[in-house]
C-alpha atoms as a PDB file:
ATOM      1  CA  MET A   1       0.000   0.000   0.000  1.00  0.00           C
ATOM      2  CA  THR A   2       1.203   3.489  -0.843  1.00  0.00           C
ATOM      3  CA  ALA A   3       2.420   5.349   2.246  1.00  0.00           C
ATOM      4  CA  TYR A   4       0.878   8.718   2.967  1.00  0.00           C
ATOM      5  CA  SER A   5       1.095  11.382   5.643  1.00  0.00           C
ATOM      6  CA  LEU A   6      -1.230  14.086   6.919  1.00  0.00           C
ATOM      7  CA  THR A   7      -0.967  17.766   7.807  1.00  0.00           C
ATOM      8  CA  PRO A   8      -3.924  19.484   9.537  1.00  0.00           C
ATOM      9  CA  LEU A   9      -5.575  22.277   7.560  1.00  0.00           C
ATOM     10  CA  THR A  10      -6.916  23.823  10.783  1.00  0.00           C
ATOM     11  CA  PRO A  11      -6.998  22.749  14.439  1.00  0.00           C
ATOM     12  CA  GLN A  12     -10.723  22.053  14.054  1.00  0.00           C
ATOM     13  CA  PHE A  13     -11.052  20.077  10.829  1.00  0.00           C
ATOM     14  CA  GLY A  14      -9.473  19.141   7.503  1.00  0.00           C
ATOM     15  CA  VAL A  15      -6.188  17.509   6.497  1.00  0.00           C
ATOM     16  CA  GLU A  16      -3.782  17.749   3.596  1.00  0.00           C
ATOM     17  CA  VAL A  17      -2.900  14.259   2.371  1.00  0.00           C
ATOM     18  CA  HIS A  18       0.699  13.851   1.199  1.00  0.00           C
ATOM     19  CA  GLY A  19       2.190  11.064  -0.874  1.00  0.00           C
ATOM     20  CA  VAL A  20      -0.900  10.075  -2.877  1.00  0.00           C
ATOM     21  CA  ASP A  21      -1.154  10.302  -6.662  1.00  0.00           C
ATOM     22  CA  LEU A  22      -4.879  10.227  -7.405  1.00  0.00           C
ATOM     23  CA  GLY A  23      -4.130   9.843 -11.111  1.00  0.00           C
ATOM     24  CA  ASP A  24      -2.400   6.490 -10.571  1.00  0.00           C
ATOM     25  CA  PRO A  25      -4.864   3.586 -10.764  1.00  0.00           C
ATOM     26  CA  GLY A  26      -2.554   1.748  -8.387  1.00  0.00           C
ATOM     27  CA  THR A  27      -3.737   4.000  -5.571  1.00  0.00           C
ATOM     28  CA  ASP A  28      -7.345   2.779  -5.834  1.00  0.00           C
ATOM     29  CA  GLY A  29      -6.688   0.371  -2.989  1.00  0.00           C
ATOM     30  CA  LEU A  30      -6.188   3.398  -0.769  1.00  0.00           C
ATOM     31  CA  PHE A  31      -9.770   4.540  -1.133  1.00  0.00           C
ATOM     32  CA  PRO A  32     -11.073   2.929   2.083  1.00  0.00           C
ATOM     33  CA  HIS A  33      -8.419   4.940   3.932  1.00  0.00           C
ATOM     34  CA  ILE A  34      -9.379   8.113   2.028  1.00  0.00           C
ATOM     35  CA  ARG A  35     -13.049   7.542   2.860  1.00  0.00           C
ATOM     36  CA  ALA A  36     -12.192   7.057   6.537  1.00  0.00           C
ATOM     37  CA  LEU A  37     -10.230  10.329   6.509  1.00  0.00           C
ATOM     38  CA  PHE A  38     -13.216  12.016   4.867  1.00  0.00           C
ATOM     39  CA  GLU A  39     -15.584  10.832   7.603  1.00  0.00           C
ATOM     40  CA  GLU A  40     -13.209  11.871  10.370  1.00  0.00           C
ATOM     41  CA  HIS A  41     -11.831  15.188   9.091  1.00  0.00           C
ATOM     42  CA  SER A  42     -14.625  16.458   6.759  1.00  0.00           C
ATOM     43  CA  ALA A  43     -12.190  18.030   4.249  1.00  0.00           C
ATOM     44  CA  LEU A  44      -9.232  16.615   2.326  1.00  0.00           C
ATOM     45  CA  LEU A  45      -6.642  18.409   0.190  1.00  0.00           C
ATOM     46  CA  PHE A  46      -4.391  16.709  -2.376  1.00  0.00           C
ATOM     47  CA  ARG A  47      -1.838  18.939  -4.107  1.00  0.00           C
ATOM     48  CA  ARG A  48       0.086  18.641  -7.378  1.00  0.00           C
ATOM     49  CA  GLN A  49      -2.296  16.181  -8.995  1.00  0.00           C
ATOM     50  CA  VAL A  50      -2.446  15.469 -12.719  1.00  0.00           C
ATOM     51  CA  PHE A  51      -6.180  15.010 -12.935  1.00  0.00           C
ATOM     52  CA  ASP A  52      -7.996  14.841 -16.264  1.00  0.00           C
ATOM     53  CA  ASP A  53     -11.766  14.398 -16.623  1.00  0.00           C
ATOM     54  CA  THR A  54     -11.510  10.608 -16.842  1.00  0.00           C
ATOM     55  CA  ARG A  55      -9.633  10.306 -13.583  1.00  0.00           C
ATOM     56  CA  HIS A  56     -11.837  12.946 -11.950  1.00  0.00           C
ATOM     57  CA  LEU A  57     -14.907  10.858 -12.759  1.00  0.00           C
ATOM     58  CA  ALA A  58     -13.253   7.622 -11.639  1.00  0.00           C
ATOM     59  CA  PHE A  59     -12.224   9.076  -8.289  1.00  0.00           C
ATOM     60  CA  ALA A  60     -15.641  10.643  -7.674  1.00  0.00           C
ATOM     61  CA  ARG A  61     -17.467   7.382  -8.423  1.00  0.00           C
ATOM     62  CA  GLN A  62     -15.655   5.717  -5.545  1.00  0.00           C
ATOM     63  CA  PHE A  63     -17.649   7.994  -3.214  1.00  0.00           C
ATOM     64  CA  GLY A  64     -20.963   7.123  -4.883  1.00  0.00           C
ATOM     65  CA  PRO A  65     -23.258   8.060  -7.788  1.00  0.00           C
ATOM     66  CA  ILE A  66     -22.322  11.189  -9.720  1.00  0.00           C
ATOM     67  CA  GLU A  67     -24.889  13.965  -9.417  1.00  0.00           C
ATOM     68  CA  ASP A  68     -26.383  14.874 -12.775  1.00  0.00           C
ATOM     69  CA  ARG A  69     -28.539  18.001 -12.794  1.00  0.00           C
ATOM     70  CA  LYS A  70     -28.926  17.747 -16.570  1.00  0.00           C
ATOM     71  CA  ALA A  71     -30.193  14.165 -16.699  1.00  0.00           C
ATOM     72  CA  ASP A  72     -33.509  15.358 -18.174  1.00  0.00           C
ATOM     73  CA  GLU A  73     -31.672  17.129 -21.009  1.00  0.00           C
ATOM     74  CA  ARG A  74     -29.390  14.310 -22.131  1.00  0.00           C
ATOM     75  CA  LYS A  75     -29.951  12.243 -25.219  1.00  0.00           C
ATOM     76  CA  PRO A  76     -29.986   8.444 -24.886  1.00  0.00           C
ATOM     77  CA  GLY A  77     -26.465   7.127 -24.460  1.00  0.00           C
ATOM     78  CA  GLU A  78     -24.967  10.429 -23.349  1.00  0.00           C
ATOM     79  CA  GLY A  79     -23.030  10.195 -20.111  1.00  0.00           C
ATOM     80  CA  VAL A  80     -22.528  12.652 -17.303  1.00  0.00           C
ATOM     81  CA  GLU A  81     -19.876  15.301 -17.886  1.00  0.00           C
ATOM     82  CA  VAL A  82     -17.468  17.048 -15.564  1.00  0.00           C
ATOM     83  CA  SER A  83     -18.851  20.492 -14.734  1.00  0.00           C
ATOM     84  CA  MET A  84     -16.689  23.571 -15.072  1.00  0.00           C
ATOM     85  CA  VAL A  85     -17.079  26.346 -12.509  1.00  0.00           C
ATOM     86  CA  SER A  86     -15.704  29.011 -14.779  1.00  0.00           C
ATOM     87  CA  ASN A  87     -16.118  32.514 -16.154  1.00  0.00           C
ATOM     88  CA  VAL A  88     -14.497  31.473 -19.446  1.00  0.00           C
ATOM     89  CA  ARG A  89     -16.619  31.224 -22.596  1.00  0.00           C
ATOM     90  CA  ALA A  90     -16.089  28.578 -25.273  1.00  0.00           C
ATOM     91  CA  ASP A  91     -14.148  31.109 -27.388  1.00  0.00           C
ATOM     92  CA  GLY A  92     -11.731  31.814 -24.510  1.00  0.00           C
ATOM     93  CA  SER A  93     -13.140  35.228 -23.549  1.00  0.00           C
ATOM     94  CA  VAL A  94     -14.436  35.886 -20.036  1.00  0.00           C
ATOM     95  CA  THR A  95     -18.056  36.588 -19.191  1.00  0.00           C
ATOM     96  CA  ASP A  96     -19.214  40.128 -18.427  1.00  0.00           C
ATOM     97  CA  PRO A  97     -19.517  40.995 -14.717  1.00  0.00           C
ATOM     98  CA  ASN A  98     -23.272  41.627 -14.857  1.00  0.00           C
ATOM     99  CA  GLU A  99     -24.460  38.900 -17.205  1.00  0.00           C
ATOM    100  CA  ALA A 100     -26.520  36.007 -15.801  1.00  0.00           C
ATOM    101  CA  HIS A 101     -23.692  33.470 -15.838  1.00  0.00           C
ATOM    102  CA  THR A 102     -21.388  35.737 -13.809  1.00  0.00           C
ATOM    103  CA  LEU A 103     -24.207  36.561 -11.379  1.00  0.00           C
ATOM    104  CA  HIS A 104     -24.726  32.822 -10.965  1.00  0.00           C
ATOM    105  CA  LEU A 105     -21.027  32.489 -10.075  1.00  0.00           C
ATOM    106  CA  LYS A 106     -21.368  35.385  -7.631  1.00  0.00           C
ATOM    107  CA  ALA A 107     -24.139  33.474  -5.830  1.00  0.00           C
ATOM    108  CA  ASN A 108     -21.441  30.924  -5.009  1.00  0.00           C
ATOM    109  CA  LEU A 109     -19.843  33.622  -2.855  1.00  0.00           C
ATOM    110  CA  LEU A 110     -22.651  33.008  -0.344  1.00  0.00           C
ATOM    111  CA  TRP A 111     -22.096  30.353   2.310  1.00  0.00           C
ATOM    112  CA  HIS A 112     -23.860  27.193   1.198  1.00  0.00           C
ATOM    113  CA  ALA A 113     -23.864  23.440   0.919  1.00  0.00           C
ATOM    114  CA  ASP A 114     -24.330  22.103  -2.595  1.00  0.00           C
ATOM    115  CA  SER A 115     -27.560  20.593  -3.843  1.00  0.00           C
ATOM    116  CA  THR A 116     -29.679  20.908  -0.707  1.00  0.00           C
ATOM    117  CA  PHE A 117     -32.440  21.909  -3.142  1.00  0.00           C
ATOM    118  CA  LEU A 118     -32.310  18.589  -5.027  1.00  0.00           C
ATOM    119  CA  PRO A 119     -34.565  15.602  -4.239  1.00  0.00           C
ATOM    120  CA  VAL A 120     -31.391  13.830  -3.084  1.00  0.00           C
ATOM    121  CA  PRO A 121     -28.621  16.183  -1.935  1.00  0.00           C
ATOM    122  CA  ALA A 122     -24.862  15.923  -2.317  1.00  0.00           C
ATOM    123  CA  LEU A 123     -22.454  13.955  -0.165  1.00  0.00           C
ATOM    124  CA  THR A 124     -19.350  15.683  -1.442  1.00  0.00           C
ATOM    125  CA  ASN A 125     -17.922  18.022  -4.026  1.00  0.00           C
ATOM    126  CA  ILE A 126     -14.566  17.232  -5.602  1.00  0.00           C
ATOM    127  CA  LEU A 127     -13.033  20.436  -6.978  1.00  0.00           C
ATOM    128  CA  VAL A 128      -9.917  20.508  -9.150  1.00  0.00           C
ATOM    129  CA  ALA A 129      -7.992  23.688 -10.003  1.00  0.00           C
ATOM    130  CA  ARG A 130      -7.504  24.096 -13.773  1.00  0.00           C
ATOM    131  CA  VAL A 131      -6.986  27.878 -14.193  1.00  0.00           C
ATOM    132  CA  VAL A 132      -6.324  30.109 -11.180  1.00  0.00           C
ATOM    133  CA  THR A 133      -6.251  33.868 -10.655  1.00  0.00           C
ATOM    134  CA  THR A 134      -3.374  36.019  -9.463  1.00  0.00           C
ATOM    135  CA  GLU A 135      -5.476  37.292  -6.545  1.00  0.00           C
ATOM    136  CA  GLY A 136      -8.725  36.388  -4.829  1.00  0.00           C
ATOM    137  CA  GLY A 137     -10.735  33.390  -5.977  1.00  0.00           C
ATOM    138  CA  ALA A 138     -10.141  31.320  -2.834  1.00  0.00           C
ATOM    139  CA  THR A 139     -12.563  28.631  -1.692  1.00  0.00           C
ATOM    140  CA  GLU A 140     -13.459  28.814   1.990  1.00  0.00           C
ATOM    141  CA  LEU A 141     -14.803  25.922   4.057  1.00  0.00           C
ATOM    142  CA  ALA A 142     -16.579  26.221   7.421  1.00  0.00           C
ATOM    143  CA  SER A 143     -17.092  23.222   9.692  1.00  0.00           C
ATOM    144  CA  THR A 144     -20.694  23.079  10.862  1.00  0.00           C
ATOM    145  CA  ARG A 145     -19.717  20.013  12.905  1.00  0.00           C
ATOM    146  CA  ALA A 146     -17.118  21.880  14.954  1.00  0.00           C
ATOM    147  CA  ALA A 147     -19.403  24.911  15.168  1.00  0.00           C
ATOM    148  CA  TRP A 148     -22.373  22.863  16.358  1.00  0.00           C
ATOM    149  CA  ALA A 149     -20.257  21.278  19.088  1.00  0.00           C
ATOM    150  CA  ALA A 150     -19.196  24.744  20.300  1.00  0.00           C
ATOM    151  CA  MET A 151     -22.532  26.504  19.827  1.00  0.00           C
ATOM    152  CA  PRO A 152     -24.271  27.984  22.884  1.00  0.00           C
ATOM    153  CA  GLU A 153     -27.327  26.015  23.955  1.00  0.00           C
ATOM    154  CA  ALA A 154     -29.582  29.042  23.522  1.00  0.00           C
ATOM    155  CA  LEU A 155     -28.783  29.172  19.796  1.00  0.00           C
ATOM    156  CA  LYS A 156     -28.957  25.392  19.424  1.00  0.00           C
ATOM    157  CA  ALA A 157     -32.418  25.400  20.958  1.00  0.00           C
ATOM    158  CA  ARG A 158     -33.708  27.737  18.254  1.00  0.00           C
ATOM    159  CA  VAL A 159     -32.991  25.170  15.538  1.00  0.00           C
ATOM    160  CA  ARG A 160     -32.899  21.757  17.216  1.00  0.00           C
ATOM    161  CA  GLY A 161     -35.795  19.596  16.050  1.00  0.00           C
ATOM    162  CA  ARG A 162     -36.716  21.885  13.165  1.00  0.00           C
ATOM    163  CA  GLY A 163     -36.727  21.088   9.514  1.00  0.00           C
ATOM    164  CA  ALA A 164     -35.528  23.553   6.897  1.00  0.00           C
ATOM    165  CA  TRP A 165     -37.117  24.117   3.493  1.00  0.00           C
ATOM    166  CA  HIS A 166     -34.652  24.670   0.644  1.00  0.00           C
ATOM    167  CA  HIS A 167     -35.142  26.070  -2.864  1.00  0.00           C
ATOM    168  CA  TYR A 168     -32.540  26.874  -5.534  1.00  0.00           C
ATOM    169  CA  SER A 169     -33.999  30.290  -6.323  1.00  0.00           C
ATOM    170  CA  GLN A 170     -33.647  31.442  -2.711  1.00  0.00           C
ATOM    171  CA  SER A 171     -29.868  31.876  -2.869  1.00  0.00           C
ATOM    172  CA  ARG A 172     -30.032  33.455  -6.334  1.00  0.00           C
ATOM    173  CA  ALA A 173     -32.587  36.005  -5.103  1.00  0.00           C
ATOM    174  CA  ARG A 174     -29.961  37.280  -2.678  1.00  0.00           C
ATOM    175  CA  ILE A 175     -27.894  38.272  -5.706  1.00  0.00           C
ATOM    176  CA  SER A 176     -30.542  39.375  -8.209  1.00  0.00           C
ATOM    177  CA  PRO A 177     -34.334  38.950  -8.463  1.00  0.00           C
ATOM    178  CA  GLU A 178     -33.950  38.660 -12.242  1.00  0.00           C
ATOM    179  CA  LEU A 179     -31.433  35.836 -11.801  1.00  0.00           C
ATOM    180  CA  ALA A 180     -33.713  34.029  -9.352  1.00  0.00           C
ATOM    181  CA  ALA A 181     -36.583  34.151 -11.860  1.00  0.00           C
ATOM    182  CA  LEU A 182     -34.726  32.123 -14.503  1.00  0.00           C
ATOM    183  CA  PRO A 183     -36.290  28.696 -15.222  1.00  0.00           C
ATOM    184  CA  GLN A 184     -33.106  26.785 -14.320  1.00  0.00           C
ATOM    185  CA  PHE A 185     -33.613  27.766 -10.680  1.00  0.00           C
ATOM    186  CA  HIS A 186     -37.161  26.388 -10.601  1.00  0.00           C
ATOM    187  CA  LYS A 187     -36.617  22.869 -11.935  1.00  0.00           C
ATOM    188  CA  TRP A 188     -37.143  21.263  -8.535  1.00  0.00           C
ATOM    189  CA  PRO A 189     -39.766  21.801  -5.813  1.00  0.00           C
ATOM    190  CA  GLU A 190     -38.839  22.767  -2.258  1.00  0.00           C
ATOM    191  CA  THR A 191     -36.988  20.136  -0.255  1.00  0.00           C
ATOM    192  CA  HIS A 192     -37.427  19.540   3.474  1.00  0.00           C
ATOM    193  CA  TRP A 193     -34.445  18.368   5.520  1.00  0.00           C
ATOM    194  CA  ASN A 194     -33.702  18.091   9.206  1.00  0.00           C
ATOM    195  CA  ALA A 195     -31.426  20.950  10.201  1.00  0.00           C
ATOM    196  CA  ILE A 196     -29.098  18.542  12.052  1.00  0.00           C
ATOM    197  CA  TRP A 197     -27.243  15.735  10.267  1.00  0.00           C
ATOM    198  CA  ARG A 198     -25.819  12.939  12.399  1.00  0.00           C
ATOM    199  CA  ASN A 199     -22.893  11.135  10.780  1.00  0.00           C
ATOM    200  CA  PRO A 200     -23.805   7.410  10.778  1.00  0.00           C
ATOM    201  CA  VAL A 201     -20.137   6.339  10.936  1.00  0.00           C
ATOM    202  CA  ASN A 202     -19.002   8.254  14.004  1.00  0.00           C
ATOM    203  CA  GLY A 203     -22.223   9.652  15.462  1.00  0.00           C
ATOM    204  CA  ARG A 204     -21.057  13.263  15.334  1.00  0.00           C
ATOM    205  CA  GLU A 205     -23.700  15.895  14.595  1.00  0.00           C
ATOM    206  CA  ALA A 206     -23.424  18.851  12.218  1.00  0.00           C
ATOM    207  CA  LEU A 207     -25.702  21.736  11.385  1.00  0.00           C
ATOM    208  CA  TYR A 208     -27.189  21.263   7.916  1.00  0.00           C
ATOM    209  CA  ILE A 209     -28.039  24.657   6.421  1.00  0.00           C
ATOM    210  CA  ALA A 210     -27.342  26.619   3.239  1.00  0.00           C
ATOM    211  CA  SER A 211     -28.052  29.930   1.548  1.00  0.00           C
ATOM    212  CA  HIS A 212     -30.799  27.949  -0.235  1.00  0.00           C
ATOM    213  CA  VAL A 213     -32.886  27.803   2.983  1.00  0.00           C
ATOM    214  CA  ARG A 214     -36.214  29.549   2.433  1.00  0.00           C
ATOM    215  CA  ARG A 215     -37.797  28.921   5.845  1.00  0.00           C
ATOM    216  CA  PHE A 216     -37.623  26.810   8.991  1.00  0.00           C
ATOM    217  CA  ASP A 217     -40.548  24.830  10.374  1.00  0.00           C
ATOM    218  CA  GLY A 218     -42.834  26.912  12.532  1.00  0.00           C
ATOM    219  CA  LEU A 219     -41.189  30.232  11.709  1.00  0.00           C
ATOM    220  CA  PRO A 220     -42.323  32.947   9.285  1.00  0.00           C
ATOM    221  CA  ALA A 221     -40.021  33.948   6.430  1.00  0.00           C
ATOM    222  CA  GLU A 222     -38.478  36.987   8.117  1.00  0.00           C
ATOM    223  CA  GLU A 223     -37.738  35.135  11.354  1.00  0.00           C
ATOM    224  CA  SER A 224     -36.408  32.176   9.373  1.00  0.00           C
ATOM    225  CA  GLN A 225     -33.926  34.375   7.540  1.00  0.00           C
ATOM    226  CA  ALA A 226     -32.810  35.977  10.801  1.00  0.00           C
ATOM    227  CA  LEU A 227     -32.202  32.523  12.288  1.00  0.00           C
ATOM    228  CA  LEU A 228     -30.314  31.404   9.184  1.00  0.00           C
ATOM    229  CA  ASP A 229     -28.139  34.509   9.343  1.00  0.00           C
ATOM    230  CA  ASP A 230     -27.401  33.951  13.054  1.00  0.00           C
ATOM    231  CA  LEU A 231     -26.494  30.293  12.506  1.00  0.00           C
ATOM    232  CA  THR A 232     -24.336  31.075   9.493  1.00  0.00           C
ATOM    233  CA  ALA A 233     -22.537  33.861  11.326  1.00  0.00           C
ATOM    234  CA  PHE A 234     -21.698  31.536  14.212  1.00  0.00           C
ATOM    235  CA  CYS A 235     -20.485  28.715  11.948  1.00  0.00           C
ATOM    236  CA  THR A 236     -18.291  30.988   9.827  1.00  0.00           C
ATOM    237  CA  GLN A 237     -16.256  32.521  12.628  1.00  0.00           C
ATOM    238  CA  PRO A 238     -12.509  32.344  11.866  1.00  0.00           C
ATOM    239  CA  GLN A 239     -11.860  29.408  14.200  1.00  0.00           C
ATOM    240  CA  PHE A 240     -14.199  27.209  12.141  1.00  0.00           C
ATOM    241  CA  VAL A 241     -12.984  28.293   8.674  1.00  0.00           C
ATOM    242  CA  TYR A 242     -10.287  27.089   6.274  1.00  0.00           C
ATOM    243  CA  SER A 243      -9.478  29.379   3.340  1.00  0.00           C
ATOM    244  CA  HIS A 244      -7.865  27.647   0.380  1.00  0.00           C
ATOM    245  CA  LYS A 245      -5.772  29.615  -2.096  1.00  0.00           C
ATOM    246  CA  TRP A 246      -5.748  27.542  -5.255  1.00  0.00           C
ATOM    247  CA  GLN A 247      -2.756  26.257  -7.171  1.00  0.00           C
ATOM    248  CA  VAL A 248      -3.155  24.394 -10.458  1.00  0.00           C
ATOM    249  CA  GLY A 249      -3.434  20.691  -9.689  1.00  0.00           C
ATOM    250  CA  ASP A 250      -5.030  21.061  -6.260  1.00  0.00           C
ATOM    251  CA  VAL A 251      -7.883  18.651  -5.494  1.00  0.00           C
ATOM    252  CA  LEU A 252     -10.172  19.657  -2.631  1.00  0.00           C
ATOM    253  CA  VAL A 253     -12.818  17.279  -1.276  1.00  0.00           C
ATOM    254  CA  TRP A 254     -15.285  18.051   1.513  1.00  0.00           C
ATOM    255  CA  ASP A 255     -18.286  16.591   3.286  1.00  0.00           C
ATOM    256  CA  GLN A 256     -21.432  18.500   2.329  1.00  0.00           C
ATOM    257  CA  ARG A 257     -23.203  17.087   5.393  1.00  0.00           C
ATOM    258  CA  ALA A 258     -20.837  18.902   7.765  1.00  0.00           C
ATOM    259  CA  VAL A 259     -19.225  21.782   5.865  1.00  0.00           C
ATOM    260  CA  LEU A 260     -20.416  25.045   4.362  1.00  0.00           C
ATOM    261  CA  HIS A 261     -18.368  26.607   1.590  1.00  0.00           C
ATOM    262  CA  ARG A 262     -18.136  29.728  -0.522  1.00  0.00           C
ATOM    263  CA  GLY A 263     -15.894  31.310  -3.124  1.00  0.00           C
ATOM    264  CA  THR A 264     -14.213  34.637  -2.548  1.00  0.00           C
ATOM    265  CA  PRO A 265     -14.245  37.456  -5.139  1.00  0.00           C
ATOM    266  CA  TRP A 266     -11.569  37.831  -7.764  1.00  0.00           C
ATOM    267  CA  PRO A 267     -10.989  40.311 -10.605  1.00  0.00           C
ATOM    268  CA  PHE A 268     -13.700  39.088 -12.949  1.00  0.00           C
ATOM    269  CA  ASP A 269     -11.650  40.078 -15.975  1.00  0.00           C
ATOM    270  CA  GLN A 270      -9.282  37.244 -15.040  1.00  0.00           C
ATOM    271  CA  PRO A 271     -10.149  33.686 -16.126  1.00  0.00           C
ATOM    272  CA  ARG A 272     -10.808  31.146 -13.386  1.00  0.00           C
ATOM    273  CA  THR A 273     -11.761  27.519 -13.959  1.00  0.00           C
ATOM    274  CA  LEU A 274     -12.328  24.765 -11.427  1.00  0.00           C
ATOM    275  CA  SER A 275     -13.677  21.403 -12.506  1.00  0.00           C
ATOM    276  CA  SER A 276     -16.375  20.086 -10.196  1.00  0.00           C
ATOM    277  CA  LEU A 277     -18.129  16.805  -9.540  1.00  0.00           C
ATOM    278  CA  CYS A 278     -20.727  16.373  -6.830  1.00  0.00           C
ATOM    279  CA  VAL A 279     -21.533  12.899  -5.564  1.00  0.00           C
ATOM    280  CA  THR A 280     -25.092  12.115  -4.466  1.00  0.00           C
ATOM    281  CA  VAL A 281     -25.656  11.054  -0.880  1.00  0.00           C
ATOM    282  CA  SER A 282     -26.867   7.483  -0.234  1.00  0.00           C
ATOM    283  CA  GLU A 283     -28.977   5.870   2.455  1.00  0.00           C
ATOM    284  CA  ALA A 284     -25.750   4.629   4.056  1.00  0.00           C
ATOM    285  CA  ASP A 285     -24.654   8.256   4.465  1.00  0.00           C
ATOM    286  CA  GLY A 286     -27.620   9.127   6.675  1.00  0.00           C
ATOM    287  CA  LEU A 287     -30.178  10.274   4.108  1.00  0.00           C
ATOM    288  CA  ASP A 288     -33.151   8.583   5.801  1.00  0.00           C
ATOM    289  CA  ALA A 289     -32.389  10.333   9.084  1.00  0.00           C
ATOM    290  CA  ILE A 290     -32.665  13.840   7.610  1.00  0.00           C
ATOM    291  CA  ARG A 291     -35.771  13.282   5.492  1.00  0.00           C
ATOM    292  CA  MET A 292     -38.792  15.122   6.829  1.00  0.00           C
ATOM    293  CA  ALA A 293     -42.387  14.918   5.769  1.00  0.00           C
ATOM    294  CA  SER A 294     -43.490  17.403   3.137  1.00  0.00           C
END
């Protein structure tokens, strides 16, 4: 077995994994160890990887089924593709700062977990740096597991036992009402998840929220947004956050059940491309425990 070593990303969560070449099929036998590190540390960083789309897909599939938001648009026989989180057009130019695509990217600057608005949410996102900027453009992670453990009981009591209703347009409305009105943000109905996710492997609880939250059970919209803002503010204090400055070849993996993330601004005239694959959560990952009645 390939030897590897670890360096903590923060005192609270996350590790950098050294000595692993994810592009080498010979390292596939390491995956049970990688999955165990994922469950324990919530975020994993692998640097200096040579990671094409084929290997990206192969690595992601070891975590579970690949999320495919465009399944209804694909022709028979077409497979899932690696998504590009990018401001670069097909002709190599960059998108304008105020066009819909760029506004969509700017919504990713809000703290969120991916795909909470889908009928089955995401277990993880595997991001790979392809083109990086000279400044800005970091990805920040916040541990809602560490934050929940440290949270005052008075704040915990406001959310414990509640479900949260999520919708894709909710986060986009925080950027632009016109963006939120686009059909792509209304493909799926509201989802209803428990606001606490207990990890079935180690029993540790994490707050499960996102900028996609529209309301909490039993609370009106305005009070729901105030609660969401208070919870997010607590979870994103510096002691719970890791900020990653990208280098080409970095691979960053995190647990959507226990981590919020966001991008940070960059000069939008500079190209930036990360390749992204989300993996859909399974029943073994605790999905049944967070389902709530509609």
